[in-house]
Amino acid sequence: MTNDGEEFHSRIVLSNADPKRTYLKLVGSRYLPDEYVRDVENIQITSPVMKINFACDRLPEYPGLRTRGYELGQTGGVTIGPSIEYLQRAYEDARQGRPADWPFFSIHAQSAVDRTLAPEGKQTFSIFTQFFPYELAEGTWDERRDEIAKHVLSRFAWFAPNMADAEITAQVLAPPDIEARFGLTGGHIFQGELVPEQAFDMRPVPGSQSYQGPISGLFLCGSGAWPGGCVMGAPGHNASHEAIDRLRAGEYG
């Protein structure tokens, strides 16, 4: 049933919502086996990632590409995490409820490959950056969002010095913002951590052998199902083929 009371009926439903939202909110735990509810509740789905979308007057230029050409760092993805120790410190900051002092960066410059995305003389790029706790040890995201984003940009400018004095407008999406805006539980863009204990037949829950869970005709087709996220479409492909096969076999009458 939709918010305005309209109902839709179907023999099958493919849910692209994450497992927790699908089963615990849209379905409701009272309609599920207790063990399945417990397994869904235990899914690691709290995100450490903040996304910042930028509109600005230039694109990042990385000193390491000065002789080879700055465009190499603009027309492809760039990741910045200089060492295991660097990443571990960022993780430990977040584990203590603090925003990473020196965070990991994953940068993509959209307007470098599609000029329709920005007016002449302007550019767009985005950063996925981590590690940032869903709940801050001090203050709230509403209170500290801009402050934290400015610190992230100052650290990024250490790697791309030309951004220090750039004219920038930013959209900052902390983990709770991503959850609220896109309906992703925990703000997790992969609908759950991509770790060994949540892979293969343990995604979405241990013992999974099908994209159909305990409710006949209800399939998970999003990143919360195997093989997970990264915008590859595999869960949707697999779930739809399984649903079609079951329909052809007359499983749902």
C-alpha atoms as a PDB file:
ATOM      1  CA  MET A   1       0.000   0.000   0.000  1.00  0.00           C
ATOM      2  CA  THR A   2       1.329   3.438  -0.910  1.00  0.00           C
ATOM      3  CA  ASN A   3       1.230   6.494   1.364  1.00  0.00           C
ATOM      4  CA  ASP A   4      -1.954   7.668  -0.335  1.00  0.00           C
ATOM      5  CA  GLY A   5      -3.683   4.332   0.266  1.00  0.00           C
ATOM      6  CA  GLU A   6      -3.387   2.819  -3.209  1.00  0.00           C
ATOM      7  CA  GLU A   7      -2.842  -0.948  -3.317  1.00  0.00           C
ATOM      8  CA  PHE A   8      -1.081  -3.062  -5.928  1.00  0.00           C
ATOM      9  CA  HIS A   9      -1.376  -6.834  -6.160  1.00  0.00           C
ATOM     10  CA  SER A  10       1.058  -9.218  -7.824  1.00  0.00           C
ATOM     11  CA  ARG A  11       2.115 -12.848  -7.664  1.00  0.00           C
ATOM     12  CA  ILE A  12       5.723 -11.717  -7.284  1.00  0.00           C
ATOM     13  CA  VAL A  13       7.475  -8.642  -5.896  1.00  0.00           C
ATOM     14  CA  LEU A  14      11.116  -7.714  -6.483  1.00  0.00           C
ATOM     15  CA  SER A  15      12.402  -5.346  -3.801  1.00  0.00           C
ATOM     16  CA  ASN A  16      15.365  -3.107  -4.524  1.00  0.00           C
ATOM     17  CA  ALA A  17      15.227  -1.790  -0.953  1.00  0.00           C
ATOM     18  CA  ASP A  18      17.887  -3.085   1.418  1.00  0.00           C
ATOM     19  CA  PRO A  19      17.196  -6.282   3.410  1.00  0.00           C
ATOM     20  CA  LYS A  20      16.471  -4.500   6.694  1.00  0.00           C
ATOM     21  CA  ARG A  21      14.085  -2.020   5.107  1.00  0.00           C
ATOM     22  CA  THR A  22      12.407  -4.734   3.037  1.00  0.00           C
ATOM     23  CA  TYR A  23      11.845  -7.307   5.758  1.00  0.00           C
ATOM     24  CA  LEU A  24      11.720  -5.354   9.015  1.00  0.00           C
ATOM     25  CA  LYS A  25       9.839  -2.237   7.815  1.00  0.00           C
ATOM     26  CA  LEU A  26       7.962  -2.959   4.599  1.00  0.00           C
ATOM     27  CA  VAL A  27       6.996  -6.527   5.563  1.00  0.00           C
ATOM     28  CA  GLY A  28       7.258  -6.500   9.349  1.00  0.00           C
ATOM     29  CA  SER A  29       9.021  -8.923  11.651  1.00  0.00           C
ATOM     30  CA  ARG A  30       5.762 -10.462  12.850  1.00  0.00           C
ATOM     31  CA  TYR A  31       5.356 -12.132   9.444  1.00  0.00           C
ATOM     32  CA  LEU A  32       8.833 -13.681   9.469  1.00  0.00           C
ATOM     33  CA  PRO A  33      10.491 -16.612  11.244  1.00  0.00           C
ATOM     34  CA  ASP A  34      12.256 -15.521  14.425  1.00  0.00           C
ATOM     35  CA  GLU A  35      15.632 -16.808  13.231  1.00  0.00           C
ATOM     36  CA  TYR A  36      15.341 -14.891   9.974  1.00  0.00           C
ATOM     37  CA  VAL A  37      14.469 -11.693  11.821  1.00  0.00           C
ATOM     38  CA  ARG A  38      17.514 -12.142  14.046  1.00  0.00           C
ATOM     39  CA  ASP A  39      19.789 -12.700  11.049  1.00  0.00           C
ATOM     40  CA  VAL A  40      18.453  -9.609   9.251  1.00  0.00           C
ATOM     41  CA  GLU A  41      18.862  -7.503  12.395  1.00  0.00           C
ATOM     42  CA  ASN A  42      22.516  -8.620  12.568  1.00  0.00           C
ATOM     43  CA  ILE A  43      23.402  -7.444   9.053  1.00  0.00           C
ATOM     44  CA  GLN A  44      26.319  -4.988   9.176  1.00  0.00           C
ATOM     45  CA  ILE A  45      24.819  -2.006   7.394  1.00  0.00           C
ATOM     46  CA  THR A  46      26.012   1.165   9.137  1.00  0.00           C
ATOM     47  CA  SER A  47      28.020   3.229   6.656  1.00  0.00           C
ATOM     48  CA  PRO A  48      31.317   5.035   7.363  1.00  0.00           C
ATOM     49  CA  VAL A  49      31.087   7.025   4.125  1.00  0.00           C
ATOM     50  CA  MET A  50      30.318  10.679   3.512  1.00  0.00           C
ATOM     51  CA  LYS A  51      29.692  11.962  -0.020  1.00  0.00           C
ATOM     52  CA  ILE A  52      30.344  15.527  -1.100  1.00  0.00           C
ATOM     53  CA  ASN A  53      29.164  16.835  -4.469  1.00  0.00           C
ATOM     54  CA  PHE A  54      30.974  19.938  -5.700  1.00  0.00           C
ATOM     55  CA  ALA A  55      30.170  22.688  -8.188  1.00  0.00           C
ATOM     56  CA  CYS A  56      33.262  24.819  -8.697  1.00  0.00           C
ATOM     57  CA  ASP A  57      35.415  26.859 -11.052  1.00  0.00           C
ATOM     58  CA  ARG A  58      38.109  24.222 -11.645  1.00  0.00           C
ATOM     59  CA  LEU A  59      38.978  20.547 -11.391  1.00  0.00           C
ATOM     60  CA  PRO A  60      41.549  19.044  -9.015  1.00  0.00           C
ATOM     61  CA  GLU A  61      45.139  18.985 -10.210  1.00  0.00           C
ATOM     62  CA  TYR A  62      47.440  16.466  -8.544  1.00  0.00           C
ATOM     63  CA  PRO A  63      51.157  17.412  -8.413  1.00  0.00           C
ATOM     64  CA  GLY A  64      52.160  13.827  -9.153  1.00  0.00           C
ATOM     65  CA  LEU A  65      50.617  14.204 -12.613  1.00  0.00           C
ATOM     66  CA  ARG A  66      52.267  17.532 -13.463  1.00  0.00           C
ATOM     67  CA  THR A  67      54.530  16.059 -16.136  1.00  0.00           C
ATOM     68  CA  ARG A  68      52.142  13.398 -17.449  1.00  0.00           C
ATOM     69  CA  GLY A  69      49.075  15.617 -17.637  1.00  0.00           C
ATOM     70  CA  TYR A  70      46.532  16.647 -15.023  1.00  0.00           C
ATOM     71  CA  GLU A  71      43.691  15.311 -17.205  1.00  0.00           C
ATOM     72  CA  LEU A  72      44.727  11.771 -16.267  1.00  0.00           C
ATOM     73  CA  GLY A  73      43.444  12.504 -12.767  1.00  0.00           C
ATOM     74  CA  GLN A  74      40.268  14.143 -14.025  1.00  0.00           C
ATOM     75  CA  THR A  75      38.864  11.800 -16.660  1.00  0.00           C
ATOM     76  CA  GLY A  76      39.144   8.704 -14.472  1.00  0.00           C
ATOM     77  CA  GLY A  77      38.567   7.810 -10.848  1.00  0.00           C
ATOM     78  CA  VAL A  78      41.235   8.736  -8.293  1.00  0.00           C
ATOM     79  CA  THR A  79      41.663   7.144  -4.871  1.00  0.00           C
ATOM     80  CA  ILE A  80      43.838   8.621  -2.154  1.00  0.00           C
ATOM     81  CA  GLY A  81      44.976   6.443   0.719  1.00  0.00           C
ATOM     82  CA  PRO A  82      48.771   6.711   0.926  1.00  0.00           C
ATOM     83  CA  SER A  83      49.407   3.771   3.257  1.00  0.00           C
ATOM     84  CA  ILE A  84      47.823   1.049   5.365  1.00  0.00           C
ATOM     85  CA  GLU A  85      48.775   3.066   8.434  1.00  0.00           C
ATOM     86  CA  TYR A  86      47.046   6.146   7.023  1.00  0.00           C
ATOM     87  CA  LEU A  87      43.845   4.167   6.444  1.00  0.00           C
ATOM     88  CA  GLN A  88      44.042   2.514   9.863  1.00  0.00           C
ATOM     89  CA  ARG A  89      44.279   5.891  11.587  1.00  0.00           C
ATOM     90  CA  ALA A  90      41.221   7.118   9.667  1.00  0.00           C
ATOM     91  CA  TYR A  91      39.329   3.983  10.678  1.00  0.00           C
ATOM     92  CA  GLU A  92      40.337   4.308  14.335  1.00  0.00           C
ATOM     93  CA  ASP A  93      39.142   7.918  14.399  1.00  0.00           C
ATOM     94  CA  ALA A  94      35.679   6.834  13.258  1.00  0.00           C
ATOM     95  CA  ARG A  95      35.646   3.869  15.607  1.00  0.00           C
ATOM     96  CA  GLN A  96      35.985   6.361  18.459  1.00  0.00           C
ATOM     97  CA  GLY A  97      33.115   8.440  17.076  1.00  0.00           C
ATOM     98  CA  ARG A  98      35.367  11.083  15.515  1.00  0.00           C
ATOM     99  CA  PRO A  99      35.474  12.169  11.867  1.00  0.00           C
ATOM    100  CA  ALA A 100      38.690  10.964  10.249  1.00  0.00           C
ATOM    101  CA  ASP A 101      41.366  13.634  10.544  1.00  0.00           C
ATOM    102  CA  TRP A 102      43.082  12.468   7.347  1.00  0.00           C
ATOM    103  CA  PRO A 103      40.379  10.579   5.448  1.00  0.00           C
ATOM    104  CA  PHE A 104      40.424   8.255   2.461  1.00  0.00           C
ATOM    105  CA  PHE A 105      39.221   9.859  -0.775  1.00  0.00           C
ATOM    106  CA  SER A 106      37.576   8.472  -3.895  1.00  0.00           C
ATOM    107  CA  ILE A 107      37.191  11.252  -6.471  1.00  0.00           C
ATOM    108  CA  HIS A 108      35.293  11.422  -9.765  1.00  0.00           C
ATOM    109  CA  ALA A 109      35.058  14.498 -11.992  1.00  0.00           C
ATOM    110  CA  GLN A 110      31.828  14.182 -13.954  1.00  0.00           C
ATOM    111  CA  SER A 111      32.103  17.350 -16.034  1.00  0.00           C
ATOM    112  CA  ALA A 112      35.558  16.323 -17.279  1.00  0.00           C
ATOM    113  CA  VAL A 113      33.921  13.633 -19.402  1.00  0.00           C
ATOM    114  CA  ASP A 114      30.480  15.214 -19.939  1.00  0.00           C
ATOM    115  CA  ARG A 115      30.521  18.959 -20.545  1.00  0.00           C
ATOM    116  CA  THR A 116      26.711  19.142 -20.448  1.00  0.00           C
ATOM    117  CA  LEU A 117      26.868  18.815 -16.662  1.00  0.00           C
ATOM    118  CA  ALA A 118      28.237  22.306 -15.994  1.00  0.00           C
ATOM    119  CA  PRO A 119      28.165  25.743 -17.650  1.00  0.00           C
ATOM    120  CA  GLU A 120      31.191  27.021 -19.542  1.00  0.00           C
ATOM    121  CA  GLY A 121      34.003  27.762 -17.123  1.00  0.00           C
ATOM    122  CA  LYS A 122      32.462  25.682 -14.340  1.00  0.00           C
ATOM    123  CA  GLN A 123      32.998  22.081 -13.253  1.00  0.00           C
ATOM    124  CA  THR A 124      31.479  19.322 -11.137  1.00  0.00           C
ATOM    125  CA  PHE A 125      33.172  16.566  -9.185  1.00  0.00           C
ATOM    126  CA  SER A 126      32.355  14.382  -6.215  1.00  0.00           C
ATOM    127  CA  ILE A 127      34.191  12.731  -3.382  1.00  0.00           C
ATOM    128  CA  PHE A 128      33.294   9.608  -1.466  1.00  0.00           C
ATOM    129  CA  THR A 129      35.315   9.944   1.715  1.00  0.00           C
ATOM    130  CA  GLN A 130      35.733   7.826   4.825  1.00  0.00           C
ATOM    131  CA  PHE A 131      35.801   7.042   7.689  1.00  0.00           C
ATOM    132  CA  PHE A 132      32.980   9.024   9.294  1.00  0.00           C
ATOM    133  CA  PRO A 133      30.762   7.632  12.068  1.00  0.00           C
ATOM    134  CA  TYR A 134      27.003   7.487  11.612  1.00  0.00           C
ATOM    135  CA  GLU A 135      26.711   8.865  15.151  1.00  0.00           C
ATOM    136  CA  LEU A 136      29.272  11.421  16.279  1.00  0.00           C
ATOM    137  CA  ALA A 137      30.788  11.185  19.748  1.00  0.00           C
ATOM    138  CA  GLU A 138      30.559  14.975  20.046  1.00  0.00           C
ATOM    139  CA  GLY A 139      27.652  16.940  18.613  1.00  0.00           C
ATOM    140  CA  THR A 140      25.342  15.941  15.780  1.00  0.00           C
ATOM    141  CA  TRP A 141      25.696  15.939  12.014  1.00  0.00           C
ATOM    142  CA  ASP A 142      23.217  18.802  11.763  1.00  0.00           C
ATOM    143  CA  GLU A 143      25.440  20.843  14.057  1.00  0.00           C
ATOM    144  CA  ARG A 144      28.792  19.839  12.554  1.00  0.00           C
ATOM    145  CA  ARG A 145      28.147  18.900   8.906  1.00  0.00           C
ATOM    146  CA  ASP A 146      29.617  22.075   7.375  1.00  0.00           C
ATOM    147  CA  GLU A 147      32.565  22.181   9.763  1.00  0.00           C
ATOM    148  CA  ILE A 148      33.485  18.572   9.006  1.00  0.00           C
ATOM    149  CA  ALA A 149      33.105  19.091   5.246  1.00  0.00           C
ATOM    150  CA  LYS A 150      35.402  22.128   5.330  1.00  0.00           C
ATOM    151  CA  HIS A 151      38.033  20.093   7.157  1.00  0.00           C
ATOM    152  CA  VAL A 152      37.739  17.315   4.556  1.00  0.00           C
ATOM    153  CA  LEU A 153      38.213  19.839   1.757  1.00  0.00           C
ATOM    154  CA  SER A 154      41.268  21.314   3.488  1.00  0.00           C
ATOM    155  CA  ARG A 155      42.825  17.852   3.704  1.00  0.00           C
ATOM    156  CA  PHE A 156      41.943  17.168   0.075  1.00  0.00           C
ATOM    157  CA  ALA A 157      43.661  20.415  -0.921  1.00  0.00           C
ATOM    158  CA  TRP A 158      46.891  19.009   0.517  1.00  0.00           C
ATOM    159  CA  PHE A 159      46.783  16.418  -2.296  1.00  0.00           C
ATOM    160  CA  ALA A 160      45.303  18.829  -4.882  1.00  0.00           C
ATOM    161  CA  PRO A 161      46.718  22.247  -3.891  1.00  0.00           C
ATOM    162  CA  ASN A 162      44.892  24.159  -6.627  1.00  0.00           C
ATOM    163  CA  MET A 163      41.621  23.526  -4.766  1.00  0.00           C
ATOM    164  CA  ALA A 164      42.668  25.585  -1.733  1.00  0.00           C
ATOM    165  CA  ASP A 165      41.360  28.852  -3.204  1.00  0.00           C
ATOM    166  CA  ALA A 166      38.711  27.450  -5.538  1.00  0.00           C
ATOM    167  CA  GLU A 167      35.208  28.879  -5.692  1.00  0.00           C
ATOM    168  CA  ILE A 168      33.136  25.987  -4.411  1.00  0.00           C
ATOM    169  CA  THR A 169      29.529  25.157  -3.648  1.00  0.00           C
ATOM    170  CA  ALA A 170      29.089  21.816  -1.928  1.00  0.00           C
ATOM    171  CA  GLN A 171      26.298  19.382  -1.175  1.00  0.00           C
ATOM    172  CA  VAL A 172      27.335  17.372   1.876  1.00  0.00           C
ATOM    173  CA  LEU A 173      25.741  13.986   2.517  1.00  0.00           C
ATOM    174  CA  ALA A 174      26.770  12.360   5.790  1.00  0.00           C
ATOM    175  CA  PRO A 175      25.672   8.758   6.440  1.00  0.00           C
ATOM    176  CA  PRO A 176      22.351   9.846   8.068  1.00  0.00           C
ATOM    177  CA  ASP A 177      21.702  12.172   5.105  1.00  0.00           C
ATOM    178  CA  ILE A 178      22.207   9.358   2.612  1.00  0.00           C
ATOM    179  CA  GLU A 179      19.800   7.226   4.621  1.00  0.00           C
ATOM    180  CA  ALA A 180      17.139   9.945   4.719  1.00  0.00           C
ATOM    181  CA  ARG A 181      17.517  11.003   1.096  1.00  0.00           C
ATOM    182  CA  PHE A 182      17.750   7.599  -0.592  1.00  0.00           C
ATOM    183  CA  GLY A 183      16.117   5.214   1.873  1.00  0.00           C
ATOM    184  CA  LEU A 184      19.343   3.289   2.464  1.00  0.00           C
ATOM    185  CA  THR A 185      19.419   1.911   5.998  1.00  0.00           C
ATOM    186  CA  GLY A 186      22.511   3.124   7.821  1.00  0.00           C
ATOM    187  CA  GLY A 187      23.351   5.296   4.818  1.00  0.00           C
ATOM    188  CA  HIS A 188      25.074   2.293   3.246  1.00  0.00           C
ATOM    189  CA  ILE A 189      25.275   2.546  -0.553  1.00  0.00           C
ATOM    190  CA  PHE A 190      26.004  -1.200  -0.834  1.00  0.00           C
ATOM    191  CA  GLN A 191      23.033  -2.103   1.400  1.00  0.00           C
ATOM    192  CA  GLY A 192      25.426  -3.846   3.779  1.00  0.00           C
ATOM    193  CA  GLU A 193      29.153  -4.311   4.211  1.00  0.00           C
ATOM    194  CA  LEU A 194      30.971  -6.246   1.481  1.00  0.00           C
ATOM    195  CA  VAL A 195      32.910  -8.490   3.837  1.00  0.00           C
ATOM    196  CA  PRO A 196      33.500 -12.287   3.830  1.00  0.00           C
ATOM    197  CA  GLU A 197      30.871 -12.920   6.497  1.00  0.00           C
ATOM    198  CA  GLN A 198      28.282 -11.200   4.260  1.00  0.00           C
ATOM    199  CA  ALA A 199      29.190 -12.853   0.963  1.00  0.00           C
ATOM    200  CA  PHE A 200      28.105 -15.863  -1.095  1.00  0.00           C
ATOM    201  CA  ASP A 201      25.375 -17.819   0.720  1.00  0.00           C
ATOM    202  CA  MET A 202      25.631 -15.431   3.684  1.00  0.00           C
ATOM    203  CA  ARG A 203      24.196 -12.496   1.739  1.00  0.00           C
ATOM    204  CA  PRO A 204      21.730 -11.278   2.804  1.00  0.00           C
ATOM    205  CA  VAL A 205      21.724 -13.821   5.673  1.00  0.00           C
ATOM    206  CA  PRO A 206      23.528 -17.095   6.429  1.00  0.00           C
ATOM    207  CA  GLY A 207      22.114 -20.044   4.512  1.00  0.00           C
ATOM    208  CA  SER A 208      20.735 -17.983   1.612  1.00  0.00           C
ATOM    209  CA  GLN A 209      20.298 -20.161  -1.484  1.00  0.00           C
ATOM    210  CA  SER A 210      17.811 -18.013  -3.363  1.00  0.00           C
ATOM    211  CA  TYR A 211      16.886 -14.392  -4.015  1.00  0.00           C
ATOM    212  CA  GLN A 212      13.499 -15.345  -2.566  1.00  0.00           C
ATOM    213  CA  GLY A 213      13.436 -15.224   1.202  1.00  0.00           C
ATOM    214  CA  PRO A 214      10.959 -16.838   3.613  1.00  0.00           C
ATOM    215  CA  ILE A 215       7.960 -15.161   1.937  1.00  0.00           C
ATOM    216  CA  SER A 216       6.891 -16.843  -1.278  1.00  0.00           C
ATOM    217  CA  GLY A 217       7.093 -14.498  -4.252  1.00  0.00           C
ATOM    218  CA  LEU A 218       9.168 -11.788  -2.537  1.00  0.00           C
ATOM    219  CA  PHE A 219      12.668 -11.401  -3.987  1.00  0.00           C
ATOM    220  CA  LEU A 220      15.572  -9.132  -3.109  1.00  0.00           C
ATOM    221  CA  CYS A 221      17.093  -7.652  -6.264  1.00  0.00           C
ATOM    222  CA  GLY A 222      19.343  -4.921  -4.856  1.00  0.00           C
ATOM    223  CA  SER A 223      22.871  -4.661  -3.518  1.00  0.00           C
ATOM    224  CA  GLY A 224      21.862  -6.325  -0.254  1.00  0.00           C
ATOM    225  CA  ALA A 225      21.650  -9.605  -2.166  1.00  0.00           C
ATOM    226  CA  TRP A 226      24.606 -11.526  -3.599  1.00  0.00           C
ATOM    227  CA  PRO A 227      26.967 -10.502  -5.191  1.00  0.00           C
ATOM    228  CA  GLY A 228      26.477  -7.034  -3.693  1.00  0.00           C
ATOM    229  CA  GLY A 229      26.950  -3.451  -4.796  1.00  0.00           C
ATOM    230  CA  CYS A 230      29.199  -1.355  -7.048  1.00  0.00           C
ATOM    231  CA  VAL A 231      26.493  -0.556  -9.643  1.00  0.00           C
ATOM    232  CA  MET A 232      26.964  -3.755 -11.628  1.00  0.00           C
ATOM    233  CA  GLY A 233      23.331  -4.905 -11.813  1.00  0.00           C
ATOM    234  CA  ALA A 234      24.143  -8.529 -11.022  1.00  0.00           C
ATOM    235  CA  PRO A 235      21.691  -8.955  -8.109  1.00  0.00           C
ATOM    236  CA  GLY A 236      18.850  -7.589 -10.241  1.00  0.00           C
ATOM    237  CA  HIS A 237      19.820  -9.763 -13.196  1.00  0.00           C
ATOM    238  CA  ASN A 238      19.985 -12.895 -11.071  1.00  0.00           C
ATOM    239  CA  ALA A 239      16.835 -12.190  -9.072  1.00  0.00           C
ATOM    240  CA  SER A 240      14.750 -11.443 -12.171  1.00  0.00           C
ATOM    241  CA  HIS A 241      15.881 -14.648 -13.883  1.00  0.00           C
ATOM    242  CA  GLU A 242      15.022 -16.679 -10.799  1.00  0.00           C
ATOM    243  CA  ALA A 243      11.596 -15.030 -10.589  1.00  0.00           C
ATOM    244  CA  ILE A 244      10.939 -15.709 -14.282  1.00  0.00           C
ATOM    245  CA  ASP A 245      11.997 -19.341 -13.925  1.00  0.00           C
ATOM    246  CA  ARG A 246       9.699 -19.842 -10.961  1.00  0.00           C
ATOM    247  CA  LEU A 247       6.792 -18.189 -12.777  1.00  0.00           C
ATOM    248  CA  ARG A 248       7.330 -20.420 -15.816  1.00  0.00           C
ATOM    249  CA  ALA A 249       7.416 -23.449 -13.547  1.00  0.00           C
ATOM    250  CA  GLY A 250       3.960 -22.510 -12.249  1.00  0.00           C
ATOM    251  CA  GLU A 251       5.167 -22.067  -8.703  1.00  0.00           C
ATOM    252  CA  TYR A 252       2.750 -19.219  -8.004  1.00  0.00           C
ATOM    253  CA  GLY A 253      -0.344 -20.598  -9.685  1.00  0.00           C
END
